[in-house]
C-alpha atoms as a PDB file:
ATOM      1  CA  SER A   1      83.789 -40.292  22.878  1.00  0.00           C
ATOM      2  CA  SER A   2      85.664 -37.590  21.730  1.00  0.00           C
ATOM      3  CA  GLY A   3      82.929 -36.015  19.738  1.00  0.00           C
ATOM      4  CA  ILE A   4      80.493 -35.998  22.416  1.00  0.00           C
ATOM      5  CA  ASN A   5      83.099 -34.134  24.716  1.00  0.00           C
ATOM      6  CA  ALA A   6      83.647 -31.671  22.104  1.00  0.00           C
ATOM      7  CA  GLU A   7      79.887 -31.066  21.828  1.00  0.00           C
ATOM      8  CA  TYR A   8      79.730 -30.632  25.977  1.00  0.00           C
ATOM      9  CA  GLY A   9      82.807 -28.323  25.706  1.00  0.00           C
ATOM     10  CA  GLY A  10      81.308 -26.037  22.893  1.00  0.00           C
ATOM     11  CA  ARG A  11      77.974 -25.928  24.357  1.00  0.00           C
ATOM     12  CA  ASP A  12      79.456 -24.987  27.907  1.00  0.00           C
ATOM     13  CA  THR A  13      82.272 -22.685  26.786  1.00  0.00           C
ATOM     14  CA  HIS A  14      80.732 -21.190  23.754  1.00  0.00           C
ATOM     15  CA  GLY A  15      77.186 -21.933  23.958  1.00  0.00           C
ATOM     16  CA  ASP A  16      77.365 -23.633  20.676  1.00  0.00           C
ATOM     17  CA  ALA A  17      77.534 -27.263  20.285  1.00  0.00           C
ATOM     18  CA  GLN A  18      79.243 -27.358  17.141  1.00  0.00           C
ATOM     19  CA  ALA A  19      82.083 -24.845  18.341  1.00  0.00           C
ATOM     20  CA  CYS A  20      84.515 -27.221  19.227  1.00  0.00           C
ATOM     21  CA  LEU A  21      83.551 -29.817  16.316  1.00  0.00           C
ATOM     22  CA  ALA A  22      85.785 -30.007  13.089  1.00  0.00           C
ATOM     23  CA  ASP A  23      82.690 -29.805  10.676  1.00  0.00           C
ATOM     24  CA  ILE A  24      84.589 -32.181   8.172  1.00  0.00           C
ATOM     25  CA  ILE A  25      82.352 -32.098   4.757  1.00  0.00           C
ATOM     26  CA  GLY A  26      81.065 -35.368   3.940  1.00  0.00           C
ATOM     27  CA  HIS A  27      79.351 -36.153   0.426  1.00  0.00           C
ATOM     28  CA  SER A  28      77.625 -39.385  -0.652  1.00  0.00           C
ATOM     29  CA  ALA A  29      75.940 -40.333  -3.619  1.00  0.00           C
ATOM     30  CA  PRO A  30      73.082 -42.971  -4.819  1.00  0.00           C
ATOM     31  CA  LEU A  31      74.714 -44.425  -8.101  1.00  0.00           C
ATOM     32  CA  ILE A  32      71.819 -45.005 -10.777  1.00  0.00           C
ATOM     33  CA  THR A  33      72.213 -47.893 -13.275  1.00  0.00           C
ATOM     34  CA  ALA A  34      71.475 -48.103 -16.843  1.00  0.00           C
ATOM     35  CA  ASP A  35      68.588 -50.681 -15.969  1.00  0.00           C
ATOM     36  CA  GLY A  36      66.919 -48.727 -13.326  1.00  0.00           C
ATOM     37  CA  TYR A  37      68.743 -49.721  -9.875  1.00  0.00           C
ATOM     38  CA  MET A  38      70.164 -47.804  -7.210  1.00  0.00           C
ATOM     39  CA  LEU A  39      73.330 -49.013  -5.690  1.00  0.00           C
ATOM     40  CA  ILE A  40      73.881 -49.253  -2.015  1.00  0.00           C
ATOM     41  CA  GLN A  41      76.837 -50.463  -0.183  1.00  0.00           C
ATOM     42  CA  LEU A  42      77.329 -52.405   3.303  1.00  0.00           C
ATOM     43  CA  ARG A  43      80.010 -50.653   5.223  1.00  0.00           C
ATOM     44  CA  SER A  44      82.824 -52.394   6.777  1.00  0.00           C
ATOM     45  CA  ASP A  45      82.504 -52.938  10.575  1.00  0.00           C
ATOM     46  CA  LYS A  46      86.240 -51.447  10.529  1.00  0.00           C
ATOM     47  CA  VAL A  47      85.168 -47.981   9.643  1.00  0.00           C
ATOM     48  CA  GLY A  48      84.512 -44.929  12.089  1.00  0.00           C
ATOM     49  CA  GLU A  49      81.011 -43.817  10.624  1.00  0.00           C
ATOM     50  CA  ALA A  50      77.846 -46.172   9.868  1.00  0.00           C
ATOM     51  CA  ALA A  51      79.976 -49.023  10.621  1.00  0.00           C
ATOM     52  CA  GLY A  52      78.081 -52.239   9.718  1.00  0.00           C
ATOM     53  CA  LEU A  53      75.155 -50.424   8.173  1.00  0.00           C
ATOM     54  CA  TRP A  54      73.817 -49.922   4.548  1.00  0.00           C
ATOM     55  CA  HIS A  55      74.812 -46.613   3.119  1.00  0.00           C
ATOM     56  CA  PHE A  56      75.242 -44.789  -0.073  1.00  0.00           C
ATOM     57  CA  ALA A  57      78.846 -44.551  -1.256  1.00  0.00           C
ATOM     58  CA  GLY A  58      80.650 -41.429  -0.514  1.00  0.00           C
ATOM     59  CA  GLY A  59      83.533 -39.861   1.344  1.00  0.00           C
ATOM     60  CA  HIS A  60      85.095 -36.449   2.144  1.00  0.00           C
ATOM     61  CA  PRO A  61      86.876 -33.778   0.091  1.00  0.00           C
ATOM     62  CA  GLU A  62      90.897 -33.824   0.343  1.00  0.00           C
ATOM     63  CA  PRO A  63      92.453 -30.499   1.230  1.00  0.00           C
ATOM     64  CA  GLU A  64      95.889 -31.944   0.754  1.00  0.00           C
ATOM     65  CA  GLU A  65      94.688 -32.591  -2.974  1.00  0.00           C
ATOM     66  CA  LEU A  66      94.652 -28.639  -3.197  1.00  0.00           C
ATOM     67  CA  GLY A  67      98.227 -28.603  -1.389  1.00  0.00           C
ATOM     68  CA  LEU A  68      96.089 -27.099   1.490  1.00  0.00           C
ATOM     69  CA  HIS A  69      97.422 -28.119   5.046  1.00  0.00           C
ATOM     70  CA  ASN A  70      95.686 -25.723   7.618  1.00  0.00           C
ATOM     71  CA  SER A  71      92.779 -23.582   7.911  1.00  0.00           C
ATOM     72  CA  GLU A  72      94.956 -20.140   6.600  1.00  0.00           C
ATOM     73  CA  GLU A  73      95.897 -21.793   3.522  1.00  0.00           C
ATOM     74  CA  LEU A  74      92.223 -22.885   3.052  1.00  0.00           C
ATOM     75  CA  MET A  75      91.025 -19.384   3.503  1.00  0.00           C
ATOM     76  CA  ARG A  76      93.110 -18.005   0.888  1.00  0.00           C
ATOM     77  CA  CYS A  77      92.432 -20.490  -1.620  1.00  0.00           C
ATOM     78  CA  ASP A  78      90.400 -19.959  -4.948  1.00  0.00           C
ATOM     79  CA  THR A  79      86.764 -20.687  -4.288  1.00  0.00           C
ATOM     80  CA  GLU A  80      86.252 -22.499  -7.669  1.00  0.00           C
ATOM     81  CA  ARG A  81      89.582 -24.971  -6.918  1.00  0.00           C
ATOM     82  CA  ILE A  82      87.502 -25.620  -3.595  1.00  0.00           C
ATOM     83  CA  VAL A  83      84.181 -26.443  -5.334  1.00  0.00           C
ATOM     84  CA  ASP A  84      85.959 -28.696  -8.170  1.00  0.00           C
ATOM     85  CA  GLU A  85      87.555 -30.784  -5.198  1.00  0.00           C
ATOM     86  CA  ILE A  86      84.012 -31.235  -3.631  1.00  0.00           C
ATOM     87  CA  PHE A  87      82.803 -32.760  -7.020  1.00  0.00           C
ATOM     88  CA  ASP A  88      86.331 -34.374  -8.082  1.00  0.00           C
ATOM     89  CA  SER A  89      86.554 -36.267  -4.572  1.00  0.00           C
ATOM     90  CA  LEU A  90      83.397 -37.770  -4.935  1.00  0.00           C
ATOM     91  CA  LEU A  91      84.414 -39.306  -8.240  1.00  0.00           C
ATOM     92  CA  ARG A  92      87.696 -40.594  -6.624  1.00  0.00           C
ATOM     93  CA  GLU A  93      85.628 -42.249  -3.979  1.00  0.00           C
ATOM     94  CA  MET A  94      83.772 -44.264  -6.668  1.00  0.00           C
ATOM     95  CA  LYS A  95      86.997 -45.476  -7.830  1.00  0.00           C
ATOM     96  CA  GLU A  96      88.261 -46.132  -4.547  1.00  0.00           C
ATOM     97  CA  GLU A  97      85.286 -47.976  -3.037  1.00  0.00           C
ATOM     98  CA  LEU A  98      83.353 -49.320  -6.138  1.00  0.00           C
ATOM     99  CA  ASN A  99      86.086 -49.865  -8.699  1.00  0.00           C
ATOM    100  CA  LEU A 100      84.331 -47.704 -11.083  1.00  0.00           C
ATOM    101  CA  THR A 101      86.295 -45.252 -13.531  1.00  0.00           C
ATOM    102  CA  ARG A 102      85.609 -41.656 -14.348  1.00  0.00           C
ATOM    103  CA  ASP A 103      84.213 -42.506 -18.137  1.00  0.00           C
ATOM    104  CA  GLU A 104      81.827 -44.707 -16.310  1.00  0.00           C
ATOM    105  CA  LEU A 105      80.143 -42.204 -14.597  1.00  0.00           C
ATOM    106  CA  SER A 106      77.946 -39.278 -15.128  1.00  0.00           C
ATOM    107  CA  GLU A 107      79.105 -35.575 -13.880  1.00  0.00           C
ATOM    108  CA  PRO A 108      77.928 -35.362 -10.365  1.00  0.00           C
ATOM    109  CA  LEU A 109      74.603 -33.732  -9.547  1.00  0.00           C
ATOM    110  CA  LEU A 110      74.296 -32.048  -5.983  1.00  0.00           C
ATOM    111  CA  VAL A 111      70.585 -32.215  -4.882  1.00  0.00           C
ATOM    112  CA  ALA A 112      70.937 -31.310  -1.521  1.00  0.00           C
ATOM    113  CA  ILE A 113      72.997 -30.251   1.306  1.00  0.00           C
ATOM    114  CA  GLY A 114      72.272 -30.873   5.021  1.00  0.00           C
ATOM    115  CA  ARG A 115      73.629 -32.111   8.265  1.00  0.00           C
ATOM    116  CA  ASP A 116      74.130 -35.596   9.606  1.00  0.00           C
ATOM    117  CA  LYS A 117      72.398 -35.958  12.818  1.00  0.00           C
ATOM    118  CA  CYS A 118      74.260 -39.078  13.520  1.00  0.00           C
ATOM    119  CA  SER A 119      77.502 -37.845  13.073  1.00  0.00           C
ATOM    120  CA  PHE A 120      77.527 -34.729  15.247  1.00  0.00           C
ATOM    121  CA  TYR A 121      75.638 -32.753  12.337  1.00  0.00           C
ATOM    122  CA  LYS A 122      78.710 -32.478  10.148  1.00  0.00           C
ATOM    123  CA  PRO A 123      77.722 -30.973   6.858  1.00  0.00           C
ATOM    124  CA  GLU A 124      76.794 -33.525   4.218  1.00  0.00           C
ATOM    125  CA  PHE A 125      76.575 -32.978   0.364  1.00  0.00           C
ATOM    126  CA  ASN A 126      74.020 -35.325  -1.502  1.00  0.00           C
ATOM    127  CA  PHE A 127      74.860 -35.994  -5.171  1.00  0.00           C
ATOM    128  CA  LEU A 128      73.348 -38.282  -7.636  1.00  0.00           C
ATOM    129  CA  LEU A 129      75.459 -40.187  -9.929  1.00  0.00           C
ATOM    130  CA  HIS A 130      74.297 -42.298 -13.190  1.00  0.00           C
ATOM    131  CA  THR A 131      76.453 -44.976 -14.892  1.00  0.00           C
ATOM    132  CA  HIS A 132      75.907 -46.555 -18.199  1.00  0.00           C
ATOM    133  CA  LEU A 133      76.835 -49.879 -16.646  1.00  0.00           C
ATOM    134  CA  THR A 134      73.884 -52.376 -15.786  1.00  0.00           C
ATOM    135  CA  ALA A 135      73.893 -53.381 -12.111  1.00  0.00           C
ATOM    136  CA  GLN A 136      75.452 -56.696 -13.035  1.00  0.00           C
ATOM    137  CA  GLN A 137      78.417 -54.871 -14.806  1.00  0.00           C
ATOM    138  CA  VAL A 138      78.823 -52.834 -11.701  1.00  0.00           C
ATOM    139  CA  ALA A 139      78.837 -55.919  -9.422  1.00  0.00           C
ATOM    140  CA  GLU A 140      81.419 -57.460 -11.380  1.00  0.00           C
ATOM    141  CA  LYS A 141      83.608 -54.516 -11.356  1.00  0.00           C
ATOM    142  CA  TYR A 142      82.995 -54.539  -7.453  1.00  0.00           C
ATOM    143  CA  PHE A 143      83.848 -58.129  -6.703  1.00  0.00           C
ATOM    144  CA  ALA A 144      86.841 -57.946  -8.951  1.00  0.00           C
ATOM    145  CA  GLU A 145      88.470 -56.023  -6.028  1.00  0.00           C
ATOM    146  CA  ASP A 146      88.345 -56.894  -2.374  1.00  0.00           C
ATOM    147  CA  PHE A 147      87.285 -53.585  -0.321  1.00  0.00           C
ATOM    148  CA  SER A 148      86.666 -55.706   3.071  1.00  0.00           C
ATOM    149  CA  ASP A 149      89.679 -53.804   4.509  1.00  0.00           C
ATOM    150  CA  ILE A 150      88.820 -50.620   3.272  1.00  0.00           C
ATOM    151  CA  GLU A 151      85.438 -49.247   3.252  1.00  0.00           C
ATOM    152  CA  SER A 152      82.648 -52.003   2.554  1.00  0.00           C
ATOM    153  CA  GLU A 153      81.714 -55.758   2.618  1.00  0.00           C
ATOM    154  CA  ASP A 154      78.984 -55.931   0.110  1.00  0.00           C
ATOM    155  CA  ILE A 155      76.699 -53.950  -2.422  1.00  0.00           C
ATOM    156  CA  GLY A 156      73.215 -54.320  -3.274  1.00  0.00           C
ATOM    157  CA  PHE A 157      70.736 -52.797  -5.694  1.00  0.00           C
ATOM    158  CA  ILE A 158      67.308 -51.240  -5.284  1.00  0.00           C
ATOM    159  CA  ARG A 159      64.901 -50.961  -7.609  1.00  0.00           C
ATOM    160  CA  LEU A 160      63.950 -47.314  -8.097  1.00  0.00           C
ATOM    161  CA  SER A 161      60.117 -48.238  -7.708  1.00  0.00           C
ATOM    162  CA  GLU A 162      60.766 -49.717  -4.193  1.00  0.00           C
ATOM    163  CA  LEU A 163      62.407 -46.571  -2.880  1.00  0.00           C
ATOM    164  CA  ASP A 164      59.532 -45.602  -0.363  1.00  0.00           C
ATOM    165  CA  LEU A 165      60.618 -46.611   3.265  1.00  0.00           C
ATOM    166  CA  SER A 166      56.974 -45.595   4.391  1.00  0.00           C
ATOM    167  CA  ARG A 167      55.429 -48.786   3.187  1.00  0.00           C
ATOM    168  CA  GLY A 168      56.949 -50.903   5.812  1.00  0.00           C
ATOM    169  CA  THR A 169      60.128 -51.933   8.038  1.00  0.00           C
ATOM    170  CA  ALA A 170      62.163 -53.873   5.280  1.00  0.00           C
ATOM    171  CA  LEU A 171      63.411 -53.000   2.109  1.00  0.00           C
ATOM    172  CA  GLU A 172      64.174 -55.557  -0.891  1.00  0.00           C
ATOM    173  CA  LEU A 173      67.881 -55.731  -2.186  1.00  0.00           C
ATOM    174  CA  THR A 174      68.888 -57.442  -5.067  1.00  0.00           C
ATOM    175  CA  LYS A 175      72.542 -58.823  -5.284  1.00  0.00           C
ATOM    176  CA  PHE A 176      74.342 -59.722  -8.561  1.00  0.00           C
ATOM    177  CA  LYS A 177      77.336 -61.861  -7.116  1.00  0.00           C
ATOM    178  CA  CYS A 178      76.811 -64.536  -9.719  1.00  0.00           C
ATOM    179  CA  SER A 179      74.759 -64.664 -12.893  1.00  0.00           C
ATOM    180  CA  ASP A 180      71.564 -65.618 -10.999  1.00  0.00           C
ATOM    181  CA  PRO A 181      70.430 -62.329  -8.980  1.00  0.00           C
ATOM    182  CA  GLU A 182      69.497 -62.941  -5.672  1.00  0.00           C
ATOM    183  CA  SER A 183      66.796 -60.924  -3.688  1.00  0.00           C
ATOM    184  CA  VAL A 184      67.467 -60.285   0.194  1.00  0.00           C
ATOM    185  CA  THR A 185      65.249 -58.280   2.601  1.00  0.00           C
ATOM    186  CA  VAL A 186      67.205 -55.661   4.743  1.00  0.00           C
ATOM    187  CA  CYS A 187      65.456 -54.134   7.909  1.00  0.00           C
ATOM    188  CA  VAL A 188      65.160 -50.452   7.663  1.00  0.00           C
ATOM    189  CA  ASP A 189      67.091 -50.027  11.153  1.00  0.00           C
ATOM    190  CA  GLN A 190      70.044 -51.804   9.424  1.00  0.00           C
ATOM    191  CA  ILE A 191      70.275 -48.477   6.662  1.00  0.00           C
ATOM    192  CA  ALA A 192      72.232 -45.390   8.141  1.00  0.00           C
ATOM    193  CA  ILE A 193      69.902 -42.731   9.193  1.00  0.00           C
ATOM    194  CA  SER A 194      71.563 -40.297   6.517  1.00  0.00           C
ATOM    195  CA  THR A 195      70.729 -42.644   3.853  1.00  0.00           C
ATOM    196  CA  GLN A 196      67.109 -43.322   4.762  1.00  0.00           C
ATOM    197  CA  GLN A 197      66.554 -39.424   4.840  1.00  0.00           C
ATOM    198  CA  PHE A 198      68.064 -39.311   1.491  1.00  0.00           C
ATOM    199  CA  MET A 199      65.906 -42.106   0.058  1.00  0.00           C
ATOM    200  CA  GLU A 200      62.814 -40.519   1.494  1.00  0.00           C
ATOM    201  CA  MET A 201      63.713 -37.301  -0.046  1.00  0.00           C
ATOM    202  CA  MET A 202      64.167 -39.035  -3.465  1.00  0.00           C
ATOM    203  CA  ALA A 203      60.773 -41.116  -3.199  1.00  0.00           C
ATOM    204  CA  VAL A 204      59.179 -38.016  -2.569  1.00  0.00           C
ATOM    205  CA  ALA A 205      60.610 -36.363  -5.838  1.00  0.00           C
ATOM    206  CA  LEU A 206      59.877 -39.353  -7.786  1.00  0.00           C
ATOM    207  CA  LYS A 207      56.183 -39.077  -6.894  1.00  0.00           C
ATOM    208  CA  TYR A 208      56.183 -35.372  -8.411  1.00  0.00           C
ATOM    209  CA  ASN A 209      58.278 -36.310 -11.202  1.00  0.00           C
ATOM    210  CA  PRO A 210      59.068 -39.655 -12.393  1.00  0.00           C
ATOM    211  CA  ARG A 211      62.056 -38.488 -14.571  1.00  0.00           C
ATOM    212  CA  VAL A 212      63.975 -36.924 -11.709  1.00  0.00           C
ATOM    213  CA  LEU A 213      66.271 -39.640 -11.640  1.00  0.00           C
ATOM    214  CA  SER A 214      66.639 -40.305 -15.108  1.00  0.00           C
ATOM    215  CA  GLY A 215      70.452 -39.698 -16.669  1.00  0.00           C
END
């Protein structure tokens, strides 16, 4: 792929595999519902990253929202505006991917910054988001729109008490497509690696502080 070629080119020419990669910032956030569930979405087969895998909703900041079109303009841009766009763009993604408005969401809480090893180690900002809606209400809003041609094909909900992936190779999800919730089993290898890592981090945090994911 072009990404692999860029890695080899950076390593051979500059001694740094990242040197020829764009390093586009990505972000994602588990959404915590009012009744103690965490939302995860099934990515469409049509997307470029984590296609067909379960993944937390998210995307990336848009320089065009700040009127920026090249790296020179970015370097001259006020830092606070850039930081605001990182946070604001996540809330826009929640509308675009889940049909949730800003007044239904908390302010994003930045909890970690890392690199996604399955996406050429691009920078990844990990946030937490809360909503005053229940899982059923979130599902109703999601299924009121058709996102299959954009980002995702389905959503599921994980009980916060079921986050520990070390207990086995499968995870129980609850789906709220209709009035009667449906429980389904998802193999861990159907979950994007970056999402697994984030879940494992949160599971450890919950052991030390059960209130860490409270709104």
